[in-house]
N, C-alpha and C. Protein backbone atom coordinates (compact mmCIF):
# COMPACT_ATOMS: atom_id res chain seq x y z
N MET A 1 235.85 -57.61 82.62
CA MET A 1 236.23 -58.03 83.58
C MET A 1 235.35 -57.78 84.90
N ASP A 2 235.21 -58.87 85.80
CA ASP A 2 234.59 -58.18 87.23
C ASP A 2 235.42 -57.12 87.89
N GLN A 3 234.77 -56.49 88.32
CA GLN A 3 235.27 -55.17 88.96
C GLN A 3 236.29 -55.95 90.23
N TRP A 4 235.91 -56.91 91.26
CA TRP A 4 236.65 -57.38 92.09
C TRP A 4 237.83 -57.94 91.52
N LEU A 5 237.89 -58.80 90.14
CA LEU A 5 238.96 -59.42 89.63
C LEU A 5 240.13 -58.75 89.43
N SER A 6 239.38 -57.48 89.05
CA SER A 6 240.34 -56.22 88.60
C SER A 6 240.99 -55.75 89.78
N PHE A 7 240.33 -55.56 90.96
CA PHE A 7 241.10 -54.98 92.10
C PHE A 7 241.93 -56.13 92.66
N LEU A 8 242.19 -57.60 92.48
CA LEU A 8 243.04 -58.62 92.67
C LEU A 8 244.30 -58.04 91.91
N HIS A 9 244.37 -57.72 90.88
CA HIS A 9 245.84 -57.18 90.27
C HIS A 9 246.01 -56.19 90.47
N SER A 10 245.48 -55.24 91.12
CA SER A 10 246.28 -54.09 91.81
C SER A 10 246.73 -54.36 93.26
N ASN A 11 247.37 -53.53 93.84
CA ASN A 11 248.24 -53.65 95.29
C ASN A 11 246.92 -53.59 96.17
N PHE A 12 246.67 -54.77 96.40
CA PHE A 12 245.49 -54.91 97.71
C PHE A 12 245.62 -53.88 98.67
N GLN A 13 246.83 -53.98 99.32
CA GLN A 13 246.74 -53.17 100.77
C GLN A 13 246.47 -51.64 100.34
N HIS A 14 246.84 -51.44 99.09
CA HIS A 14 246.88 -49.63 98.89
C HIS A 14 245.02 -49.35 98.52
N LEU A 15 244.21 -50.38 98.29
CA LEU A 15 242.86 -50.31 98.04
C LEU A 15 242.28 -49.43 99.68
N ASP A 16 241.02 -48.54 99.00
CA ASP A 16 240.41 -48.27 100.32
C ASP A 16 239.56 -49.33 100.88
N GLN A 17 239.57 -49.37 102.25
CA GLN A 17 238.79 -50.11 103.01
C GLN A 17 237.48 -50.67 102.45
N SER A 18 236.60 -49.97 101.59
CA SER A 18 235.55 -50.27 101.00
C SER A 18 235.97 -51.56 99.91
N SER A 19 236.72 -51.23 99.25
CA SER A 19 237.22 -51.58 98.02
C SER A 19 237.36 -53.29 98.55
N GLN A 20 238.19 -53.13 99.94
CA GLN A 20 239.04 -54.22 99.92
C GLN A 20 237.81 -55.29 100.44
N LYS A 21 236.86 -54.76 101.22
CA LYS A 21 235.62 -55.73 101.46
C LYS A 21 234.81 -55.98 100.52
N PHE A 22 234.70 -55.05 99.59
CA PHE A 22 233.68 -55.48 98.29
C PHE A 22 234.46 -56.87 97.65
N THR A 23 235.84 -56.73 97.63
CA THR A 23 236.40 -57.86 97.19
C THR A 23 236.42 -59.01 97.64
N TYR A 24 236.89 -59.00 99.06
CA TYR A 24 236.73 -60.14 99.72
C TYR A 24 235.36 -61.10 99.91
N GLN A 25 234.08 -60.10 99.68
CA GLN A 25 233.00 -60.67 99.74
C GLN A 25 232.76 -61.28 98.51
N SER A 26 232.96 -60.75 97.53
CA SER A 26 232.95 -61.33 96.10
C SER A 26 233.64 -62.32 95.81
N TYR A 27 234.99 -62.50 96.19
CA TYR A 27 235.58 -63.53 96.59
C TYR A 27 235.07 -64.75 97.19
N ARG A 28 234.54 -64.44 98.50
CA ARG A 28 233.92 -65.49 99.22
C ARG A 28 232.76 -66.01 98.55
N GLU A 29 231.65 -65.29 98.09
CA GLU A 29 230.70 -65.98 97.29
C GLU A 29 231.21 -66.74 96.10
N PHE A 30 231.88 -66.31 95.38
CA PHE A 30 232.75 -67.40 94.39
C PHE A 30 232.99 -68.42 94.78
N ILE A 31 233.41 -68.63 95.66
CA ILE A 31 234.48 -69.81 96.25
C ILE A 31 233.69 -70.72 97.10
N TYR A 32 232.66 -69.78 97.80
CA TYR A 32 232.14 -70.59 98.92
C TYR A 32 231.28 -72.21 98.67
N HIS A 33 230.62 -71.95 97.75
CA HIS A 33 230.06 -73.24 97.59
C HIS A 33 231.24 -74.54 97.02
N ASP A 34 232.07 -74.21 96.29
CA ASP A 34 232.90 -75.34 96.02
C ASP A 34 233.41 -75.81 97.39
N ILE A 35 234.01 -74.85 98.24
CA ILE A 35 234.80 -75.28 99.43
C ILE A 35 233.95 -75.77 100.37
N TYR A 36 232.49 -75.65 100.40
CA TYR A 36 231.59 -76.18 101.54
C TYR A 36 231.47 -77.59 100.73
N PHE A 37 231.07 -78.15 99.65
CA PHE A 37 230.94 -78.86 98.92
C PHE A 37 231.94 -79.98 99.45
N LEU A 38 233.36 -79.36 99.69
CA LEU A 38 234.47 -80.58 99.81
C LEU A 38 234.25 -80.64 101.46
N LEU A 39 234.27 -79.70 102.06
CA LEU A 39 234.53 -79.56 103.70
C LEU A 39 233.03 -80.43 104.23
N GLU A 40 231.87 -79.69 103.79
CA GLU A 40 230.75 -79.99 104.45
C GLU A 40 230.71 -79.37 106.02
N ASN A 41 231.19 -78.38 106.40
CA ASN A 41 231.26 -77.57 107.54
C ASN A 41 231.67 -76.03 107.45
N HIS A 42 230.62 -75.36 107.64
CA HIS A 42 230.48 -73.68 107.63
C HIS A 42 231.62 -73.04 108.21
N ASP A 43 232.15 -73.26 109.53
CA ASP A 43 233.23 -72.78 109.98
C ASP A 43 234.68 -73.45 109.12
N LEU A 44 234.57 -74.49 108.73
CA LEU A 44 235.94 -75.15 108.14
C LEU A 44 236.02 -74.11 107.09
N THR A 45 234.89 -73.93 106.08
CA THR A 45 235.07 -73.40 104.85
C THR A 45 234.98 -71.97 105.12
N GLU A 46 234.76 -71.47 106.14
CA GLU A 46 235.20 -69.92 106.37
C GLU A 46 236.51 -69.70 106.56
N ASP A 47 237.16 -70.73 107.35
CA ASP A 47 238.59 -70.51 107.47
C ASP A 47 239.31 -70.81 106.32
N VAL A 48 238.96 -71.95 105.62
CA VAL A 48 239.73 -71.80 104.31
C VAL A 48 239.40 -70.73 103.16
N ILE A 49 238.39 -70.11 103.18
CA ILE A 49 238.06 -69.34 102.36
C ILE A 49 239.16 -67.71 102.95
N GLN A 50 239.28 -67.64 104.27
CA GLN A 50 240.19 -66.19 104.73
C GLN A 50 241.45 -66.88 104.38
N GLU A 51 242.01 -68.09 104.53
CA GLU A 51 243.40 -68.55 104.21
C GLU A 51 243.77 -68.27 102.59
N SER A 52 242.66 -69.16 101.99
CA SER A 52 243.24 -68.86 100.58
C SER A 52 243.21 -67.35 99.68
N PHE A 53 242.04 -66.80 100.48
CA PHE A 53 242.50 -65.20 99.92
C PHE A 53 243.63 -64.56 100.51
N LEU A 54 244.06 -64.87 101.61
CA LEU A 54 245.33 -64.57 102.03
C LEU A 54 246.40 -64.90 100.95
N LYS A 55 246.28 -66.26 100.33
CA LYS A 55 247.34 -66.45 99.45
C LYS A 55 247.39 -66.06 98.33
N VAL A 56 245.96 -65.57 98.01
CA VAL A 56 245.79 -64.87 96.61
C VAL A 56 246.25 -63.27 96.43
N ILE A 57 245.87 -62.81 97.71
CA ILE A 57 246.48 -61.23 97.56
C ILE A 57 248.02 -61.41 97.87
N ALA A 58 248.69 -62.30 98.22
CA ALA A 58 249.87 -62.47 98.78
C ALA A 58 250.48 -62.53 97.15
N SER A 59 249.92 -63.41 96.26
CA SER A 59 251.01 -63.69 94.75
C SER A 59 249.49 -63.27 93.84
N SER A 60 249.29 -62.00 93.55
CA SER A 60 248.21 -61.67 92.64
C SER A 60 248.09 -62.53 91.37
N PRO A 61 247.08 -62.83 90.92
CA PRO A 61 246.92 -63.38 89.83
C PRO A 61 247.39 -62.58 88.53
N LYS A 62 248.38 -63.41 87.54
CA LYS A 62 249.56 -62.96 86.69
C LYS A 62 248.44 -62.59 85.23
N ALA A 63 247.49 -63.63 85.33
CA ALA A 63 246.26 -63.75 83.66
C ALA A 63 245.69 -62.50 84.08
N LYS A 64 245.63 -62.34 82.80
CA LYS A 64 244.45 -61.03 82.54
C LYS A 64 243.22 -61.46 82.23
N ASP A 65 243.00 -62.37 81.57
CA ASP A 65 241.61 -63.06 80.90
C ASP A 65 240.81 -63.64 82.19
N ALA A 66 239.27 -63.07 82.34
CA ALA A 66 238.91 -63.51 83.73
C ALA A 66 238.59 -64.77 83.78
N ALA A 67 238.47 -65.73 82.94
CA ALA A 67 238.05 -67.06 82.87
C ALA A 67 239.65 -67.91 83.58
N LYS A 68 240.97 -67.35 83.32
CA LYS A 68 241.97 -67.92 83.80
C LYS A 68 242.06 -67.83 85.30
N ILE A 69 241.47 -66.39 85.47
CA ILE A 69 241.63 -66.04 87.09
C ILE A 69 240.95 -66.45 87.75
N LYS A 70 239.88 -66.66 87.18
CA LYS A 70 238.73 -67.18 88.22
C LYS A 70 238.93 -68.99 88.38
N ALA A 71 239.79 -69.48 87.28
CA ALA A 71 240.10 -71.06 87.51
C ALA A 71 241.40 -70.91 88.50
N TRP A 72 242.28 -70.14 88.20
CA TRP A 72 243.31 -69.91 89.36
C TRP A 72 242.43 -69.98 90.67
N LEU A 73 241.88 -69.07 90.88
CA LEU A 73 241.01 -68.62 92.09
C LEU A 73 240.68 -69.71 92.71
N LYS A 74 239.77 -70.89 91.94
CA LYS A 74 239.24 -72.08 92.40
C LYS A 74 240.69 -72.91 92.95
N LYS A 75 241.44 -73.08 92.03
CA LYS A 75 242.47 -73.99 92.38
C LYS A 75 243.17 -73.80 93.72
N ILE A 76 243.75 -72.40 94.13
CA ILE A 76 244.20 -72.17 95.28
C ILE A 76 243.44 -72.69 96.30
N SER A 77 242.07 -72.24 96.02
CA SER A 77 241.13 -72.49 97.34
C SER A 77 240.96 -74.18 97.13
N ARG A 78 240.78 -74.62 96.30
CA ARG A 78 240.88 -76.06 96.74
C ARG A 78 241.95 -77.01 97.08
N ASN A 79 243.15 -76.44 96.51
CA ASN A 79 244.29 -76.77 97.23
C ASN A 79 244.43 -76.38 98.97
N THR A 80 244.05 -75.25 99.04
CA THR A 80 243.82 -74.76 100.86
C THR A 80 243.11 -75.99 101.19
N ALA A 81 241.83 -76.01 100.83
CA ALA A 81 240.75 -77.11 101.38
C ALA A 81 241.36 -78.67 101.43
N TYR A 82 242.13 -78.82 100.36
CA TYR A 82 242.66 -80.04 100.61
C TYR A 82 244.11 -80.04 101.80
N ASP A 83 244.64 -79.20 102.39
CA ASP A 83 245.57 -78.90 103.12
C ASP A 83 244.98 -78.94 104.23
N TYR A 84 243.51 -78.49 104.63
CA TYR A 84 242.83 -78.44 105.57
C TYR A 84 242.33 -80.03 105.93
N LEU A 85 241.75 -80.77 104.64
CA LEU A 85 241.14 -81.81 105.22
C LEU A 85 242.37 -82.99 105.78
N ARG A 86 243.58 -82.69 105.13
CA ARG A 86 244.54 -83.39 105.59
C ARG A 86 244.86 -83.26 107.24
N VAL A 87 244.91 -82.15 107.45
CA VAL A 87 245.13 -81.93 108.97
C VAL A 87 243.88 -82.02 109.65
N TYR A 88 242.82 -81.79 109.30
CA TYR A 88 241.63 -82.00 110.37
C TYR A 88 241.52 -83.36 110.39
N LYS A 89 241.63 -84.53 109.50
CA LYS A 89 241.39 -85.81 109.51
C LYS A 89 242.21 -86.23 110.56
N LYS A 90 243.69 -85.72 110.29
CA LYS A 90 244.69 -86.55 111.15
C LYS A 90 244.18 -85.79 112.79
N TYR A 91 243.75 -84.74 112.98
CA TYR A 91 243.40 -84.32 114.15
C TYR A 91 242.08 -84.93 114.97
N GLN A 92 241.13 -85.60 113.51
CA GLN A 92 240.00 -85.92 113.91
C GLN A 92 240.37 -87.77 114.37
N TYR A 93 241.14 -88.21 113.89
CA TYR A 93 241.94 -89.57 113.85
C TYR A 93 242.45 -89.24 115.35
N LEU A 94 243.25 -88.77 115.76
CA LEU A 94 243.81 -88.75 117.15
C LEU A 94 243.05 -88.49 118.06
N SER A 95 241.69 -87.66 117.76
CA SER A 95 240.69 -86.93 118.90
C SER A 95 240.07 -88.81 118.97
N ASN A 96 239.55 -89.27 118.06
CA ASN A 96 238.84 -90.64 118.12
C ASN A 96 239.46 -91.52 118.94
N LEU A 97 240.78 -91.41 118.65
CA LEU A 97 241.51 -92.71 119.41
C LEU A 97 241.64 -92.25 121.13
N GLU A 98 241.74 -90.90 121.30
CA GLU A 98 241.67 -90.45 122.82
C GLU A 98 240.27 -90.76 123.42
N SER A 99 239.64 -91.17 122.32
CA SER A 99 237.99 -91.32 123.01
C SER A 99 237.51 -92.46 123.60
N MET A 100 238.41 -93.29 122.58
CA MET A 100 237.86 -94.51 122.51
C MET A 100 238.51 -95.32 123.92
N GLU A 101 237.48 -96.35 124.31
CA GLU A 101 238.14 -97.10 125.44
C GLU A 101 239.21 -97.75 125.41
N GLU A 102 239.84 -98.28 126.06
CA GLU A 102 241.57 -98.97 126.01
C GLU A 102 241.00 -100.05 125.16
N GLU A 103 239.95 -101.20 125.94
CA GLU A 103 239.49 -102.33 125.46
C GLU A 103 238.97 -102.24 124.09
N ASP A 104 238.45 -101.23 123.64
CA ASP A 104 237.62 -101.11 122.42
C ASP A 104 238.84 -100.74 121.26
N LEU A 105 239.86 -100.24 121.58
CA LEU A 105 241.20 -99.74 121.11
C LEU A 105 241.71 -101.34 120.60
N PHE A 106 241.98 -102.06 121.29
CA PHE A 106 242.69 -103.30 121.52
C PHE A 106 241.97 -104.10 120.32
N ALA A 107 240.47 -104.37 120.79
CA ALA A 107 239.59 -104.87 119.97
C ALA A 107 239.64 -104.89 118.62
N SER A 108 239.51 -103.30 118.42
CA SER A 108 239.51 -102.55 116.79
C SER A 108 240.64 -103.02 116.28
N ALA A 109 241.90 -102.95 117.04
CA ALA A 109 243.14 -102.94 116.43
C ALA A 109 243.32 -104.46 116.00
N ALA A 110 242.87 -105.64 116.72
CA ALA A 110 242.98 -106.87 116.73
C ALA A 110 242.08 -107.62 115.48
N GLU A 111 240.79 -106.77 115.42
CA GLU A 111 240.19 -106.84 114.23
C GLU A 111 240.86 -106.38 113.01
N THR A 112 241.15 -105.55 112.67
CA THR A 112 241.83 -104.61 111.82
C THR A 112 242.93 -105.45 111.36
N ALA A 113 243.84 -106.24 112.11
CA ALA A 113 244.81 -106.61 111.96
C ALA A 113 244.81 -107.89 111.44
N VAL A 114 243.79 -108.68 111.82
CA VAL A 114 243.35 -110.20 111.31
C VAL A 114 242.80 -109.65 109.85
N ALA A 115 241.93 -108.71 109.56
CA ALA A 115 241.28 -108.45 108.15
C ALA A 115 242.35 -107.98 107.46
N ASP A 116 243.74 -107.26 107.53
CA ASP A 116 244.82 -106.71 106.84
C ASP A 116 245.34 -108.25 106.55
N GLN A 117 245.85 -109.13 107.70
CA GLN A 117 246.41 -110.41 107.21
C GLN A 117 246.03 -110.97 106.16
N VAL A 118 244.40 -111.22 106.37
CA VAL A 118 243.65 -112.08 105.40
C VAL A 118 244.01 -111.31 103.94
N GLU A 119 243.76 -110.36 104.13
CA GLU A 119 243.67 -109.47 102.81
C GLU A 119 244.89 -109.83 101.93
N GLU A 120 245.94 -109.47 102.92
CA GLU A 120 247.19 -109.52 102.12
C GLU A 120 247.64 -110.72 102.00
N GLN A 121 246.97 -112.09 102.68
CA GLN A 121 247.17 -113.32 102.09
C GLN A 121 246.54 -113.28 100.72
N ILE A 122 245.52 -112.85 100.72
CA ILE A 122 244.61 -113.04 99.32
C ILE A 122 245.54 -112.33 98.32
N ARG A 123 245.93 -111.23 98.73
CA ARG A 123 246.80 -110.34 97.57
C ARG A 123 247.91 -110.97 97.25
N ASP A 124 248.86 -111.72 97.89
CA ASP A 124 249.95 -112.33 97.81
C ASP A 124 249.45 -113.57 96.67
N GLU A 125 248.52 -114.12 97.12
CA GLU A 125 248.34 -115.34 96.38
C GLU A 125 247.78 -115.20 94.97
N MET A 126 247.25 -113.98 94.65
CA MET A 126 246.86 -113.26 93.26
C MET A 126 247.88 -113.03 92.72
N LEU A 127 248.81 -112.18 93.56
CA LEU A 127 250.15 -111.89 92.54
C LEU A 127 251.01 -113.04 92.23
N HIS A 128 251.02 -114.04 93.36
CA HIS A 128 252.03 -115.24 92.51
C HIS A 128 250.77 -116.22 91.64
N GLU A 129 250.08 -116.08 91.49
CA GLU A 129 248.91 -116.38 90.18
C GLU A 129 249.28 -115.58 89.18
N ALA A 130 249.30 -114.20 89.24
CA ALA A 130 249.58 -113.11 88.21
C ALA A 130 250.95 -113.60 87.69
N LEU A 131 251.92 -113.95 88.46
CA LEU A 131 253.18 -113.80 87.99
C LEU A 131 253.39 -115.21 87.27
N ASP A 132 252.61 -116.09 87.71
CA ASP A 132 252.66 -117.49 86.97
C ASP A 132 252.20 -117.25 85.38
N GLN A 133 251.36 -116.35 85.31
CA GLN A 133 250.95 -116.10 84.00
C GLN A 133 251.52 -115.46 82.96
N LEU A 134 252.74 -114.42 83.60
CA LEU A 134 253.68 -114.12 82.59
C LEU A 134 254.37 -115.09 81.92
N ASN A 135 255.24 -114.21 80.83
CA ASN A 135 256.05 -115.53 80.09
C ASN A 135 257.18 -115.32 80.82
N ALA A 136 258.22 -116.33 80.52
CA ALA A 136 259.27 -116.52 81.36
C ALA A 136 260.27 -115.47 81.14
N ARG A 137 260.75 -114.34 80.28
CA ARG A 137 261.26 -113.43 80.25
C ARG A 137 260.82 -112.18 81.19
N TYR A 138 259.55 -111.88 81.20
CA TYR A 138 258.93 -110.93 81.88
C TYR A 138 259.23 -111.64 83.25
N ARG A 139 258.84 -112.61 83.74
CA ARG A 139 259.34 -113.25 85.18
C ARG A 139 260.67 -112.82 85.41
N ASN A 140 261.59 -113.53 84.71
CA ASN A 140 263.07 -113.27 84.66
C ASN A 140 263.33 -111.74 85.42
N VAL A 141 262.94 -110.67 84.07
CA VAL A 141 263.29 -109.26 84.24
C VAL A 141 262.91 -109.05 85.94
N LEU A 142 261.49 -109.37 86.11
CA LEU A 142 261.03 -108.61 87.16
C LEU A 142 261.84 -109.45 88.35
N PHE A 143 262.07 -110.70 88.61
CA PHE A 143 262.52 -111.20 89.67
C PHE A 143 264.26 -110.55 89.62
N ARG A 144 264.61 -110.37 88.39
CA ARG A 144 266.22 -109.94 88.93
C ARG A 144 266.32 -108.31 89.50
N TYR A 145 265.13 -107.64 88.87
CA TYR A 145 265.00 -106.28 89.23
C TYR A 145 264.65 -105.99 90.84
N TYR A 146 263.20 -106.65 91.01
CA TYR A 146 263.13 -106.57 92.38
C TYR A 146 263.76 -107.32 93.58
N VAL A 147 263.89 -108.73 93.38
CA VAL A 147 264.29 -109.74 94.60
C VAL A 147 266.05 -109.61 94.38
N GLU A 148 266.42 -109.61 93.55
CA GLU A 148 267.74 -109.41 93.53
C GLU A 148 268.37 -108.12 93.46
N ASP A 149 267.43 -107.05 93.39
CA ASP A 149 268.02 -105.65 93.20
C ASP A 149 268.86 -105.36 92.13
N LYS A 150 268.85 -105.75 90.98
CA LYS A 150 269.85 -105.59 90.08
C LYS A 150 269.35 -104.23 89.41
N SER A 151 270.38 -103.42 88.77
CA SER A 151 270.15 -102.23 88.17
C SER A 151 269.89 -102.44 86.44
N HIS A 152 269.46 -101.54 86.06
CA HIS A 152 269.37 -101.58 84.43
C HIS A 152 270.30 -102.10 83.75
N ARG A 153 271.62 -101.52 84.10
CA ARG A 153 273.11 -101.86 83.65
C ARG A 153 273.06 -103.07 83.83
N GLU A 154 272.86 -103.74 84.74
CA GLU A 154 273.22 -105.05 85.18
C GLU A 154 272.43 -106.25 84.38
N LEU A 155 270.96 -105.78 84.58
CA LEU A 155 270.06 -106.57 83.71
C LEU A 155 270.36 -106.44 82.22
N ALA A 156 270.90 -105.39 81.75
CA ALA A 156 270.99 -104.97 80.28
C ALA A 156 272.44 -105.98 80.05
N ARG A 157 273.21 -106.22 80.66
CA ARG A 157 274.49 -106.47 80.56
C ARG A 157 273.95 -107.85 80.39
N GLU A 158 273.37 -108.93 81.27
CA GLU A 158 273.20 -110.07 81.89
C GLU A 158 272.13 -110.52 80.44
N LEU A 159 271.26 -109.70 79.99
CA LEU A 159 270.21 -110.37 79.11
C LEU A 159 270.83 -109.87 77.60
N GLY A 160 272.08 -109.17 77.71
CA GLY A 160 272.58 -108.75 75.83
C GLY A 160 271.95 -107.86 75.44
N ILE A 161 271.46 -107.11 76.11
CA ILE A 161 270.39 -105.84 75.35
C ILE A 161 271.04 -104.59 76.18
N SER A 162 270.10 -103.32 75.44
CA SER A 162 270.58 -102.00 75.67
C SER A 162 270.20 -102.05 77.35
N GLU A 163 270.63 -100.67 78.03
CA GLU A 163 269.89 -100.25 79.19
C GLU A 163 268.66 -99.43 78.87
N GLN A 164 268.19 -99.24 77.56
CA GLN A 164 267.08 -98.52 77.49
C GLN A 164 265.77 -100.02 76.95
N ALA A 165 266.39 -100.76 75.89
CA ALA A 165 265.84 -102.13 75.97
C ALA A 165 265.48 -102.68 77.43
N SER A 166 266.41 -102.65 78.23
CA SER A 166 266.00 -103.01 79.61
C SER A 166 264.87 -102.61 80.57
N ALA A 167 264.87 -101.29 80.22
CA ALA A 167 264.06 -100.26 81.30
C ALA A 167 262.57 -100.63 80.43
N GLN A 168 262.63 -100.82 79.13
CA GLN A 168 261.37 -101.04 78.18
C GLN A 168 260.81 -102.51 78.85
N LEU A 169 261.71 -103.13 78.66
CA LEU A 169 261.46 -104.58 78.93
C LEU A 169 260.38 -104.50 80.44
N LEU A 170 261.21 -104.00 81.54
CA LEU A 170 260.72 -104.11 82.96
C LEU A 170 259.47 -103.27 82.77
N VAL A 171 259.08 -102.18 81.75
CA VAL A 171 257.80 -101.40 81.94
C VAL A 171 256.71 -102.21 81.40
N ARG A 172 257.13 -103.09 80.37
CA ARG A 172 256.25 -103.94 79.79
C ARG A 172 255.61 -105.07 80.72
N ALA A 173 256.79 -105.75 81.73
CA ALA A 173 256.54 -106.69 82.52
C ALA A 173 255.42 -106.09 83.37
N ARG A 174 256.16 -104.97 84.08
CA ARG A 174 254.84 -104.34 84.99
C ARG A 174 253.58 -104.15 84.78
N LYS A 175 253.43 -103.89 83.54
CA LYS A 175 252.29 -103.50 82.48
C LYS A 175 251.14 -104.82 82.80
N LYS A 176 251.88 -105.79 81.97
CA LYS A 176 251.45 -106.93 82.20
C LYS A 176 251.22 -107.63 83.52
N LEU A 177 251.95 -107.53 84.21
CA LEU A 177 251.77 -108.03 85.90
C LEU A 177 250.39 -107.09 86.10
N ARG A 178 250.77 -106.05 86.03
CA ARG A 178 249.39 -105.16 86.44
C ARG A 178 247.86 -105.94 86.01
N TYR A 179 248.19 -105.85 84.72
CA TYR A 179 246.77 -106.31 83.97
C TYR A 179 246.22 -107.58 84.62
N TYR A 180 247.26 -108.69 84.88
CA TYR A 180 246.90 -110.04 85.46
C TYR A 180 246.48 -109.98 86.45
N PHE A 181 247.16 -109.17 87.58
CA PHE A 181 246.81 -109.06 88.79
C PHE A 181 245.44 -108.29 88.99
N CYS A 182 245.18 -107.16 88.02
CA CYS A 182 243.99 -106.33 88.16
C CYS A 182 242.77 -107.33 87.74
N LYS A 183 243.04 -107.88 86.60
CA LYS A 183 241.74 -109.22 86.27
C LYS A 183 241.22 -110.22 87.53
N ARG A 184 242.61 -110.26 88.03
CA ARG A 184 242.36 -111.49 89.07
C ARG A 184 241.63 -110.91 90.36
N TRP A 185 241.87 -109.70 90.51
CA TRP A 185 241.27 -108.95 91.74
C TRP A 185 239.85 -108.25 91.40
N VAL A 186 239.65 -108.20 90.64
CA VAL A 186 238.41 -107.73 90.06
C VAL A 186 237.50 -109.22 89.66
N ASP A 187 237.88 -110.41 89.60
CA ASP A 187 237.19 -111.45 89.43
C ASP A 187 237.04 -112.22 91.11
N HIS A 188 238.11 -111.76 91.86
CA HIS A 188 237.89 -112.11 93.10
C HIS A 188 236.88 -111.20 94.16
N GLU A 189 236.71 -110.09 93.54
CA GLU A 189 235.61 -109.19 94.45
C GLU A 189 234.32 -109.18 93.63
N GLU A 190 233.99 -109.98 92.36
CA GLU A 190 232.83 -110.29 92.06
C GLU A 190 232.37 -111.28 92.65
N LYS A 191 233.33 -112.45 93.13
CA LYS A 191 232.70 -113.35 93.85
C LYS A 191 232.03 -113.38 95.27
């Protein structure tokens, strides 16, 4: 096992300063390229490496196998990077909104609203077409469950089947609907 990985197993705070520095530098070299690939920003990558390293030393690895430890380290660092991306994108969006001219903002919102309405209308039409392709039993169970808001117990009682059979019927109906809808959506996108 690499020496720096064995240092992670020990109490990090009790290591001498040179061992701590060596461990951090080794961790940084091990993680840097993966995180930079996700973030494409050196400063943000450094922040994520520091934050993920603090998480690692706070809960030292339990595994003894070097491959498992390395996979765990990469998972911790990637998850930390994803957290940063969520926060960073939210603030990036807000700062972009602040910098836009008021007219641009309303024009952009209007264009987006129209595009969203058109897409929603197309999606609804395709959904209705997909529903029409379902057999009556599947349409019936979907309608009762989603529109009439019936429970599996009520569905089972009305259809004269068990609750488990009712749930399974609903699963099959959804799968078939998804299949028909996706098929239509793909056909629409190709046109």
